[in-house]
N, C-alpha and C. Protein backbone atom coordinates (compact mmCIF):
# COMPACT_ATOMS: atom_id res chain seq x y z
N MET A 1 43.11 71.77 74.63
CA MET A 1 41.60 71.65 74.64
C MET A 1 41.02 72.93 74.08
N GLY A 2 40.05 72.75 73.15
CA GLY A 2 39.47 73.97 72.48
C GLY A 2 38.17 73.51 71.52
N ALA A 3 37.41 74.39 71.38
CA ALA A 3 36.31 74.23 70.46
C ALA A 3 36.24 75.40 69.40
N GLU A 4 35.74 75.16 68.43
CA GLU A 4 35.79 76.18 67.27
C GLU A 4 34.52 76.14 66.39
N LYS A 5 34.14 77.19 65.95
CA LYS A 5 32.85 77.24 64.99
C LYS A 5 33.13 78.39 64.06
N LEU A 6 32.81 78.22 62.79
CA LEU A 6 32.98 79.28 61.76
C LEU A 6 31.56 80.09 61.75
N VAL A 7 31.76 81.27 62.02
CA VAL A 7 30.62 82.30 62.06
C VAL A 7 30.78 83.24 60.92
N ASN A 8 30.04 83.17 59.82
CA ASN A 8 30.26 84.30 58.74
C ASN A 8 31.65 84.50 58.38
N GLY A 9 32.26 83.41 58.27
CA GLY A 9 33.73 83.45 57.78
C GLY A 9 34.74 83.89 58.92
N THR A 10 34.23 84.05 60.10
CA THR A 10 35.14 84.39 61.29
C THR A 10 35.28 83.05 62.23
N ARG A 11 36.54 82.67 62.55
CA ARG A 11 36.78 81.71 63.47
C ARG A 11 36.39 82.09 64.91
N LEU A 12 35.27 81.46 65.55
CA LEU A 12 34.86 81.61 66.80
C LEU A 12 35.46 80.38 67.68
N VAL A 13 36.47 80.74 68.49
CA VAL A 13 37.19 79.89 69.17
C VAL A 13 37.00 79.85 70.72
N LEU A 14 37.07 78.73 71.31
CA LEU A 14 37.01 78.54 72.83
C LEU A 14 38.28 77.84 73.30
N VAL A 15 38.89 78.47 74.17
CA VAL A 15 40.21 77.79 74.85
C VAL A 15 40.06 77.99 76.42
N GLU A 16 40.56 77.18 77.09
CA GLU A 16 40.70 77.32 78.53
C GLU A 16 42.20 77.89 78.71
N GLY A 17 42.37 78.92 79.52
CA GLY A 17 43.77 79.50 79.63
C GLY A 17 43.82 80.86 80.35
N ASP A 18 44.92 81.53 80.04
CA ASP A 18 45.21 82.77 80.60
C ASP A 18 45.23 83.95 79.63
N ILE A 19 44.13 84.81 79.59
CA ILE A 19 43.95 85.89 78.56
C ILE A 19 45.17 86.81 78.49
N THR A 20 45.97 86.89 79.55
CA THR A 20 47.04 87.73 79.49
C THR A 20 48.25 87.21 78.47
N GLN A 21 48.07 85.81 78.20
CA GLN A 21 49.04 85.20 77.26
C GLN A 21 48.42 85.15 75.72
N ALA A 22 47.11 85.70 75.58
CA ALA A 22 46.55 85.57 74.18
C ALA A 22 47.40 86.36 73.30
N ASP A 23 47.59 85.65 71.92
CA ASP A 23 48.39 86.20 70.94
C ASP A 23 47.41 86.81 69.89
N THR A 24 46.52 87.56 70.36
CA THR A 24 45.58 88.29 69.45
C THR A 24 45.87 89.79 69.45
N GLU A 25 45.40 90.48 68.35
CA GLU A 25 45.65 91.93 68.24
C GLU A 25 45.09 92.70 69.40
N ALA A 26 44.06 92.22 69.96
CA ALA A 26 43.51 92.93 71.20
C ALA A 26 42.87 91.91 72.18
N VAL A 27 43.07 92.21 73.52
CA VAL A 27 42.29 91.47 74.66
C VAL A 27 41.31 92.39 75.19
N VAL A 28 40.23 91.88 75.61
CA VAL A 28 39.21 92.59 76.32
C VAL A 28 39.36 92.34 77.84
N ASN A 29 39.16 93.40 78.49
CA ASN A 29 39.52 93.49 79.93
C ASN A 29 37.97 93.54 80.54
N ALA A 30 37.64 92.81 81.48
CA ALA A 30 36.53 92.93 82.39
C ALA A 30 36.77 94.05 83.40
N ALA A 31 36.53 95.26 82.99
CA ALA A 31 37.10 96.40 83.98
C ALA A 31 35.87 96.79 84.79
N ASN A 32 36.23 97.77 85.68
CA ASN A 32 35.23 98.40 86.63
C ASN A 32 35.01 99.83 85.96
N SER A 33 33.97 100.38 86.32
CA SER A 33 33.50 101.71 85.76
C SER A 33 34.71 102.83 85.82
N ARG A 34 35.42 102.80 86.85
CA ARG A 34 36.45 103.76 87.12
C ARG A 34 37.74 103.32 86.49
N LEU A 35 37.75 102.38 85.76
CA LEU A 35 38.86 101.91 85.00
C LEU A 35 40.10 101.91 85.98
N ALA A 36 39.98 101.47 87.18
CA ALA A 36 40.84 101.64 88.25
C ALA A 36 41.65 100.34 88.52
N GLY A 37 41.61 99.45 87.73
CA GLY A 37 42.28 98.02 87.92
C GLY A 37 41.53 97.44 89.14
N GLY A 38 41.83 96.27 89.31
CA GLY A 38 40.97 95.42 90.51
C GLY A 38 41.58 94.05 90.51
N GLY A 39 40.71 93.18 90.79
CA GLY A 39 41.02 91.74 90.94
C GLY A 39 40.83 91.04 89.49
N GLY A 40 40.80 89.66 89.58
CA GLY A 40 40.44 88.72 88.60
C GLY A 40 41.14 89.21 87.30
N VAL A 41 40.47 88.98 86.10
CA VAL A 41 41.04 89.46 84.86
C VAL A 41 41.69 90.83 84.92
N ASP A 42 40.89 91.80 85.31
CA ASP A 42 41.30 93.04 85.35
C ASP A 42 42.71 93.33 85.93
N GLY A 43 42.87 92.83 87.16
CA GLY A 43 44.13 92.91 87.80
C GLY A 43 45.21 92.05 87.17
N ALA A 44 44.97 90.78 86.47
CA ALA A 44 46.00 90.08 85.82
C ALA A 44 46.37 90.81 84.57
N ILE A 45 45.47 91.43 83.87
CA ILE A 45 45.81 92.36 82.62
C ILE A 45 46.61 93.44 82.99
N HIS A 46 46.41 94.26 84.04
CA HIS A 46 47.21 95.38 84.47
C HIS A 46 48.43 94.87 85.02
N ARG A 47 48.64 93.84 85.72
CA ARG A 47 50.00 93.31 86.21
C ARG A 47 50.89 93.02 85.06
N ALA A 48 50.13 92.17 84.08
CA ALA A 48 51.02 91.63 82.95
C ALA A 48 51.40 92.73 82.00
N GLY A 49 50.56 93.85 81.66
CA GLY A 49 50.60 94.82 80.71
C GLY A 49 51.52 95.86 81.05
N GLY A 50 51.51 96.16 82.38
CA GLY A 50 52.47 97.18 82.97
C GLY A 50 51.59 98.52 83.16
N PRO A 51 52.36 99.48 83.64
CA PRO A 51 51.78 100.77 84.11
C PRO A 51 51.21 101.65 82.75
N GLU A 52 51.69 101.35 81.70
CA GLU A 52 51.17 102.12 80.50
C GLU A 52 49.67 102.02 80.41
N ILE A 53 49.15 100.95 80.75
CA ILE A 53 47.78 100.65 80.60
C ILE A 53 47.02 101.41 81.53
N MET A 54 47.40 101.50 82.77
CA MET A 54 46.69 102.21 83.71
C MET A 54 46.93 103.79 83.52
N ALA A 55 47.98 104.14 83.01
CA ALA A 55 48.17 105.69 82.66
C ALA A 55 47.19 106.08 81.56
N GLU A 56 46.94 105.10 80.70
CA GLU A 56 45.76 105.57 79.73
C GLU A 56 44.43 105.45 80.29
N CYS A 57 44.33 104.46 81.09
CA CYS A 57 42.96 104.50 81.79
C CYS A 57 42.68 105.60 82.67
N ARG A 58 43.66 106.05 83.36
CA ARG A 58 43.44 107.37 84.02
C ARG A 58 43.13 108.50 83.20
N GLN A 59 43.75 108.63 82.11
CA GLN A 59 43.31 109.73 81.13
C GLN A 59 41.88 109.51 80.67
N ILE A 60 41.49 108.31 80.58
CA ILE A 60 40.06 108.17 79.92
C ILE A 60 39.08 108.37 81.13
N GLY A 61 39.45 107.91 82.40
CA GLY A 61 38.79 108.18 83.59
C GLY A 61 37.54 107.37 83.97
N HIS A 62 36.61 106.99 83.02
CA HIS A 62 35.42 106.43 83.50
C HIS A 62 34.88 105.52 82.09
N CYS A 63 34.22 104.51 82.35
CA CYS A 63 33.45 103.72 81.33
C CYS A 63 32.18 103.32 81.76
N PRO A 64 31.03 103.58 81.25
CA PRO A 64 29.64 103.12 81.77
C PRO A 64 29.53 101.72 81.52
N THR A 65 28.69 101.03 82.35
CA THR A 65 28.39 99.58 82.16
C THR A 65 27.77 99.35 80.83
N GLY A 66 28.39 98.31 80.14
CA GLY A 66 28.03 97.92 78.89
C GLY A 66 28.78 98.70 77.71
N GLU A 67 29.47 99.70 77.99
CA GLU A 67 30.41 100.40 77.04
C GLU A 67 31.68 99.84 76.91
N ALA A 68 32.59 100.29 76.18
CA ALA A 68 34.02 99.98 75.85
C ALA A 68 34.86 101.06 75.45
N VAL A 69 36.09 100.94 76.03
CA VAL A 69 37.13 102.05 75.57
C VAL A 69 38.45 101.15 75.25
N ILE A 70 39.40 101.98 74.67
CA ILE A 70 40.64 101.22 74.22
C ILE A 70 41.78 101.81 74.79
N THR A 71 42.76 101.12 74.95
CA THR A 71 44.11 101.42 75.46
C THR A 71 45.21 100.59 74.91
N THR A 72 46.44 101.03 75.05
CA THR A 72 47.60 100.24 74.66
C THR A 72 47.58 98.97 75.34
N GLY A 73 48.29 97.96 74.77
CA GLY A 73 48.40 96.61 75.29
C GLY A 73 49.64 96.59 76.27
N GLY A 74 50.31 97.72 76.45
CA GLY A 74 51.72 97.74 77.26
C GLY A 74 52.56 96.48 76.83
N ARG A 75 52.88 95.72 77.79
CA ARG A 75 53.65 94.53 77.67
C ARG A 75 53.01 93.37 77.25
N LEU A 76 51.73 93.32 77.08
CA LEU A 76 51.02 92.14 76.71
C LEU A 76 51.42 91.74 75.26
N LYS A 77 51.11 90.48 74.83
CA LYS A 77 51.39 90.15 73.42
C LYS A 77 50.45 91.01 72.55
N ALA A 78 49.13 91.14 73.01
CA ALA A 78 48.19 91.87 72.42
C ALA A 78 48.49 93.46 72.29
N LYS A 79 48.35 94.15 71.21
CA LYS A 79 48.77 95.48 71.14
C LYS A 79 47.76 96.56 71.65
N GLN A 80 46.58 96.07 71.87
CA GLN A 80 45.50 96.96 72.50
C GLN A 80 44.76 96.11 73.40
N VAL A 81 44.25 96.82 74.43
CA VAL A 81 43.23 96.32 75.48
C VAL A 81 41.89 97.04 75.31
N ILE A 82 40.94 96.27 75.20
CA ILE A 82 39.58 96.92 75.05
C ILE A 82 38.97 96.69 76.39
N HIS A 83 38.63 97.83 77.17
CA HIS A 83 38.11 97.71 78.50
C HIS A 83 36.64 97.71 78.37
N THR A 84 35.88 96.77 78.92
CA THR A 84 34.38 96.93 78.91
C THR A 84 33.95 96.65 80.51
N VAL A 85 32.80 97.29 80.92
CA VAL A 85 32.27 97.10 82.10
C VAL A 85 31.00 96.25 82.18
N GLY A 86 31.02 95.07 82.60
CA GLY A 86 29.91 94.24 82.74
C GLY A 86 28.99 94.62 83.70
N PRO A 87 27.81 94.10 83.70
CA PRO A 87 26.82 94.38 84.81
C PRO A 87 27.09 93.51 86.00
N ILE A 88 26.87 94.00 87.13
CA ILE A 88 26.73 93.34 88.39
C ILE A 88 25.39 92.50 88.31
N PHE A 89 25.45 91.25 88.45
CA PHE A 89 24.25 90.40 88.25
C PHE A 89 23.37 90.57 89.41
N ARG A 90 22.05 90.97 89.03
CA ARG A 90 21.04 91.00 90.04
C ARG A 90 19.68 90.31 89.63
N GLY A 91 19.77 89.51 88.47
CA GLY A 91 18.65 88.80 88.08
C GLY A 91 17.57 89.63 87.33
N ARG A 92 18.01 90.93 86.80
CA ARG A 92 17.02 91.83 86.11
C ARG A 92 17.10 91.60 84.67
N PRO A 93 15.99 91.90 84.12
CA PRO A 93 16.16 91.73 82.55
C PRO A 93 17.18 92.51 81.90
N GLU A 94 17.56 93.67 82.37
CA GLU A 94 18.52 94.40 81.73
C GLU A 94 19.99 93.94 81.95
N ASP A 95 20.08 92.91 82.81
CA ASP A 95 21.47 92.39 82.99
C ASP A 95 22.01 91.82 81.64
N ALA A 96 21.06 91.10 81.02
CA ALA A 96 21.50 90.25 79.81
C ALA A 96 21.76 91.27 78.59
N ARG A 97 20.90 92.36 78.66
CA ARG A 97 21.08 93.44 77.58
C ARG A 97 22.44 94.09 77.69
N LEU A 98 22.73 94.59 79.04
CA LEU A 98 24.08 95.15 79.29
C LEU A 98 25.22 94.17 79.09
N LEU A 99 25.03 92.98 79.42
CA LEU A 99 26.15 92.05 79.12
C LEU A 99 26.40 91.95 77.70
N ALA A 100 25.35 91.69 76.88
CA ALA A 100 25.48 91.58 75.40
C ALA A 100 26.19 92.85 74.80
N ASN A 101 25.63 94.07 75.42
CA ASN A 101 26.39 95.37 74.83
C ASN A 101 28.04 95.26 75.25
N CYS A 102 28.39 94.72 76.16
CA CYS A 102 29.73 94.68 76.34
C CYS A 102 30.57 93.96 75.30
N TYR A 103 30.01 93.02 74.88
CA TYR A 103 30.66 92.15 73.67
C TYR A 103 30.47 92.72 72.39
N ARG A 104 29.32 93.40 72.04
CA ARG A 104 28.92 94.00 70.89
C ARG A 104 29.81 95.37 70.79
N ASN A 105 29.87 96.05 71.74
CA ASN A 105 30.57 97.42 71.81
C ASN A 105 32.12 97.21 71.75
N SER A 106 32.57 96.10 72.32
CA SER A 106 33.97 95.72 72.26
C SER A 106 34.30 95.45 70.86
N LEU A 107 33.46 94.77 70.19
CA LEU A 107 33.79 94.24 68.63
C LEU A 107 33.52 95.48 67.84
N ASP A 108 32.57 96.27 68.05
CA ASP A 108 32.47 97.70 67.33
C ASP A 108 33.60 98.32 67.40
N LEU A 109 34.32 98.57 68.57
CA LEU A 109 35.54 99.39 68.74
C LEU A 109 36.72 98.55 68.04
N ALA A 110 36.78 97.30 68.14
CA ALA A 110 37.69 96.57 67.48
C ALA A 110 37.74 96.71 65.95
N ALA A 111 36.59 96.61 65.41
CA ALA A 111 36.30 96.74 63.93
C ALA A 111 36.75 98.21 63.56
N ALA A 112 36.28 99.17 64.18
CA ALA A 112 36.69 100.56 64.00
C ALA A 112 38.18 100.81 63.94
N GLN A 113 38.96 99.98 64.86
CA GLN A 113 40.33 100.15 64.94
C GLN A 113 41.03 99.31 63.88
N GLY A 114 40.36 98.41 63.27
CA GLY A 114 41.01 97.52 62.34
C GLY A 114 41.70 96.37 62.90
N LEU A 115 41.24 95.99 64.12
CA LEU A 115 41.75 94.83 64.85
C LEU A 115 41.05 93.60 64.44
N ARG A 116 41.82 92.65 63.80
CA ARG A 116 41.14 91.47 63.24
C ARG A 116 41.03 90.22 64.05
N SER A 117 41.86 90.34 65.29
CA SER A 117 41.76 89.20 66.18
C SER A 117 41.67 89.76 67.64
N VAL A 118 40.47 89.12 68.33
CA VAL A 118 40.18 89.71 69.59
C VAL A 118 39.91 88.56 70.79
N ALA A 119 40.50 88.58 71.79
CA ALA A 119 40.30 87.66 72.75
C ALA A 119 39.42 88.17 73.88
N PHE A 120 38.38 87.48 74.33
CA PHE A 120 37.56 87.92 75.36
C PHE A 120 37.68 86.94 76.54
N PRO A 121 37.61 87.51 77.71
CA PRO A 121 37.20 86.65 78.93
C PRO A 121 35.75 86.38 79.11
N SER A 122 35.30 85.66 80.19
CA SER A 122 33.88 85.54 80.33
C SER A 122 33.57 86.80 81.26
N ILE A 123 32.92 87.73 80.69
CA ILE A 123 32.70 88.96 81.37
C ILE A 123 31.48 88.86 82.53
N SER A 124 31.67 89.53 83.59
CA SER A 124 30.75 89.49 84.80
C SER A 124 30.55 88.26 85.40
N THR A 125 31.39 87.20 85.22
CA THR A 125 30.98 85.86 85.82
C THR A 125 31.83 85.68 87.03
N GLY A 126 32.90 86.64 87.30
CA GLY A 126 33.56 86.48 88.55
C GLY A 126 32.92 87.26 89.70
N VAL A 127 33.62 88.16 90.36
CA VAL A 127 33.00 88.83 91.49
C VAL A 127 31.63 89.55 91.12
N TYR A 128 31.45 89.86 89.83
CA TYR A 128 30.03 90.45 89.55
C TYR A 128 28.95 89.51 89.49
N GLY A 129 29.26 88.14 89.71
CA GLY A 129 28.20 87.08 90.04
C GLY A 129 27.35 86.68 88.90
N TYR A 130 27.57 87.01 87.66
CA TYR A 130 26.72 86.59 86.54
C TYR A 130 26.86 85.08 86.50
N PRO A 131 25.80 84.09 86.51
CA PRO A 131 25.99 82.70 86.53
C PRO A 131 26.51 82.30 85.14
N LEU A 132 27.42 81.53 85.02
CA LEU A 132 28.01 81.04 83.78
C LEU A 132 27.15 80.49 82.83
N PRO A 133 26.14 79.62 83.14
CA PRO A 133 25.19 79.01 82.30
C PRO A 133 24.30 80.05 81.64
N GLU A 134 24.10 81.07 82.34
CA GLU A 134 23.31 82.17 81.76
C GLU A 134 24.13 83.22 81.01
N ALA A 135 25.37 83.41 81.37
CA ALA A 135 26.28 84.43 80.58
C ALA A 135 26.80 83.95 79.35
N ALA A 136 27.05 82.66 79.31
CA ALA A 136 27.72 82.04 78.09
C ALA A 136 26.82 82.25 76.83
N PRO A 137 25.50 81.85 76.85
CA PRO A 137 24.83 82.04 75.63
C PRO A 137 24.56 83.53 75.34
N VAL A 138 24.46 84.53 76.33
CA VAL A 138 24.31 85.82 75.98
C VAL A 138 25.66 86.36 75.28
N ALA A 139 26.69 85.92 75.87
CA ALA A 139 28.01 86.28 75.06
C ALA A 139 28.18 85.92 73.80
N LEU A 140 27.89 84.50 73.48
CA LEU A 140 28.12 84.02 72.21
C LEU A 140 27.10 84.52 71.18
N ALA A 141 25.88 84.69 71.65
CA ALA A 141 24.96 85.31 70.67
C ALA A 141 25.20 86.79 70.31
N ALA A 142 25.67 87.49 71.39
CA ALA A 142 26.13 88.94 70.97
C ALA A 142 27.27 88.99 70.18
N VAL A 143 28.25 88.02 70.23
CA VAL A 143 29.51 88.02 69.37
C VAL A 143 29.06 87.57 67.94
N LYS A 144 28.28 86.65 67.84
CA LYS A 144 27.70 86.06 66.55
C LYS A 144 27.00 87.34 65.83
N GLN A 145 26.28 88.15 66.64
CA GLN A 145 25.55 89.19 66.02
C GLN A 145 26.55 90.36 65.57
N ALA A 146 27.51 90.63 66.35
CA ALA A 146 28.52 91.63 66.05
C ALA A 146 29.31 91.20 64.88
N ILE A 147 29.62 89.86 64.72
CA ILE A 147 30.29 89.44 63.51
C ILE A 147 29.40 89.57 62.27
N ALA A 148 28.35 89.40 62.47
CA ALA A 148 27.40 89.53 61.24
C ALA A 148 27.17 90.98 60.82
N GLU A 149 27.39 91.97 61.85
CA GLU A 149 27.17 93.43 61.58
C GLU A 149 28.52 93.91 61.06
N HIS A 150 29.57 93.20 61.03
CA HIS A 150 30.80 93.69 60.64
C HIS A 150 31.30 92.42 59.59
N PRO A 151 30.75 92.37 58.46
CA PRO A 151 31.25 91.19 57.59
C PRO A 151 32.79 91.42 57.15
N GLY A 152 33.43 90.34 57.28
CA GLY A 152 34.94 90.51 56.88
C GLY A 152 35.93 91.25 57.81
N ALA A 153 35.33 91.69 58.92
CA ALA A 153 36.20 92.54 59.72
C ALA A 153 37.04 91.76 60.70
N PHE A 154 36.66 90.55 60.89
CA PHE A 154 37.48 89.62 61.98
C PHE A 154 37.92 88.37 61.32
N ASP A 155 39.16 87.94 61.73
CA ASP A 155 39.60 86.54 61.27
C ASP A 155 39.41 85.78 62.44
N GLU A 156 39.49 86.17 63.63
CA GLU A 156 39.14 85.19 64.90
C GLU A 156 38.60 86.17 66.03
N VAL A 157 37.66 85.48 66.59
CA VAL A 157 37.20 85.88 68.09
C VAL A 157 37.28 84.84 68.91
N ARG A 158 38.10 84.95 69.85
CA ARG A 158 38.44 83.83 70.91
C ARG A 158 37.93 84.20 72.34
N PHE A 159 37.38 83.12 72.91
CA PHE A 159 37.04 83.21 74.25
C PHE A 159 38.34 82.36 75.11
N VAL A 160 38.99 83.28 75.88
CA VAL A 160 39.97 82.55 76.79
C VAL A 160 39.38 82.42 78.17
N LEU A 161 38.76 81.25 78.45
CA LEU A 161 38.19 81.01 79.52
C LEU A 161 39.08 80.38 80.77
N PHE A 162 38.83 80.98 81.95
CA PHE A 162 39.67 80.58 83.15
C PHE A 162 38.92 79.44 83.92
N GLY A 163 39.46 78.20 83.77
CA GLY A 163 38.84 77.10 84.40
C GLY A 163 37.97 76.19 83.64
N SER A 164 37.92 74.99 84.03
CA SER A 164 37.04 73.90 83.34
C SER A 164 35.69 74.25 83.31
N GLN A 165 35.06 74.86 84.45
CA GLN A 165 33.77 75.14 84.62
C GLN A 165 33.27 76.24 83.55
N ALA A 166 34.13 77.21 83.51
CA ALA A 166 33.66 78.27 82.46
C ALA A 166 33.80 77.75 81.12
N TYR A 167 34.88 77.09 80.80
CA TYR A 167 35.07 76.32 79.56
C TYR A 167 33.86 75.47 79.03
N GLN A 168 33.42 74.70 80.10
CA GLN A 168 32.33 73.74 79.80
C GLN A 168 31.01 74.49 79.53
N ALA A 169 30.76 75.69 80.27
CA ALA A 169 29.61 76.40 80.10
C ALA A 169 29.51 77.05 78.70
N TYR A 170 30.69 77.48 78.21
CA TYR A 170 30.67 78.11 76.96
C TYR A 170 30.63 77.00 75.87
N ALA A 171 31.31 75.78 76.04
CA ALA A 171 31.32 74.77 75.03
C ALA A 171 29.84 74.42 74.80
N GLU A 172 28.99 74.31 75.85
CA GLU A 172 27.58 73.78 75.82
C GLU A 172 26.85 74.84 75.02
N ALA A 173 27.06 76.10 75.32
CA ALA A 173 26.43 77.09 74.64
C ALA A 173 26.75 77.23 73.16
N LEU A 174 28.02 77.01 72.85
CA LEU A 174 28.55 77.01 71.55
C LEU A 174 27.90 75.95 70.63
N GLU A 175 27.64 74.73 71.36
CA GLU A 175 26.92 73.68 70.68
C GLU A 175 25.55 74.03 70.19
N ARG A 176 25.04 74.78 71.09
CA ARG A 176 23.42 75.10 70.89
C ARG A 176 23.24 76.24 69.96
N LEU A 177 24.50 77.18 69.76
CA LEU A 177 24.31 78.29 68.86
C LEU A 177 24.20 77.95 67.46
N ALA A 178 22.96 78.38 66.90
CA ALA A 178 22.53 77.96 65.69
C ALA A 178 23.26 78.75 64.49
C-alpha cells in the first residue's frame, strides 16, 4: 500500500512500514535534543543501525528543537541518518513552525550532502504528542517547500509511516496538498 505525488520533479511517496528498513540514501530520526537514543523511531534506528550512530551522536552532543544534524547510517541500508528534534506538542502557534523546520532543515542538510533520496517518519506524533491530523499537513507542506527550494536535488522523499492511522492521516493530507 502506498500513495505518490510528483512535486517539482521529485517523487513524494507515502508507505506504511518500518523506517529502519528504508532503502533510501538517508533516513531521518525523530531524536531528542541530547541525541541520547530513546524509544519509538529513535530507539529503533539506534538498535538497527548499531553503536556507530550513537558514537557520532555523542561527539555532536546536542541538537536544538527544529534543527538537524547528520551521522553515519551504521548497519542500516541508508548510508546516513539525519537526526532532527521535533517539538513537544503544547498547542502553541510555534509548534507548527518548529515542526516544519524539522522537515526543511533535514532536507537542507540532505541537499548539502548530495543525498538524493530521504525517508522521514512522522516527527513528534509519538511520545511528543503532536496530533496526526495536524502534523501531517505541516510535514507535507514543509517538504513541498523544501523541494521547491532545492530544484533537482531529490529523486524521492518518502514518508515511512508506522501504522494505518498515521498512513491515513498523511494520505488525506497528501490529497489536499495543492
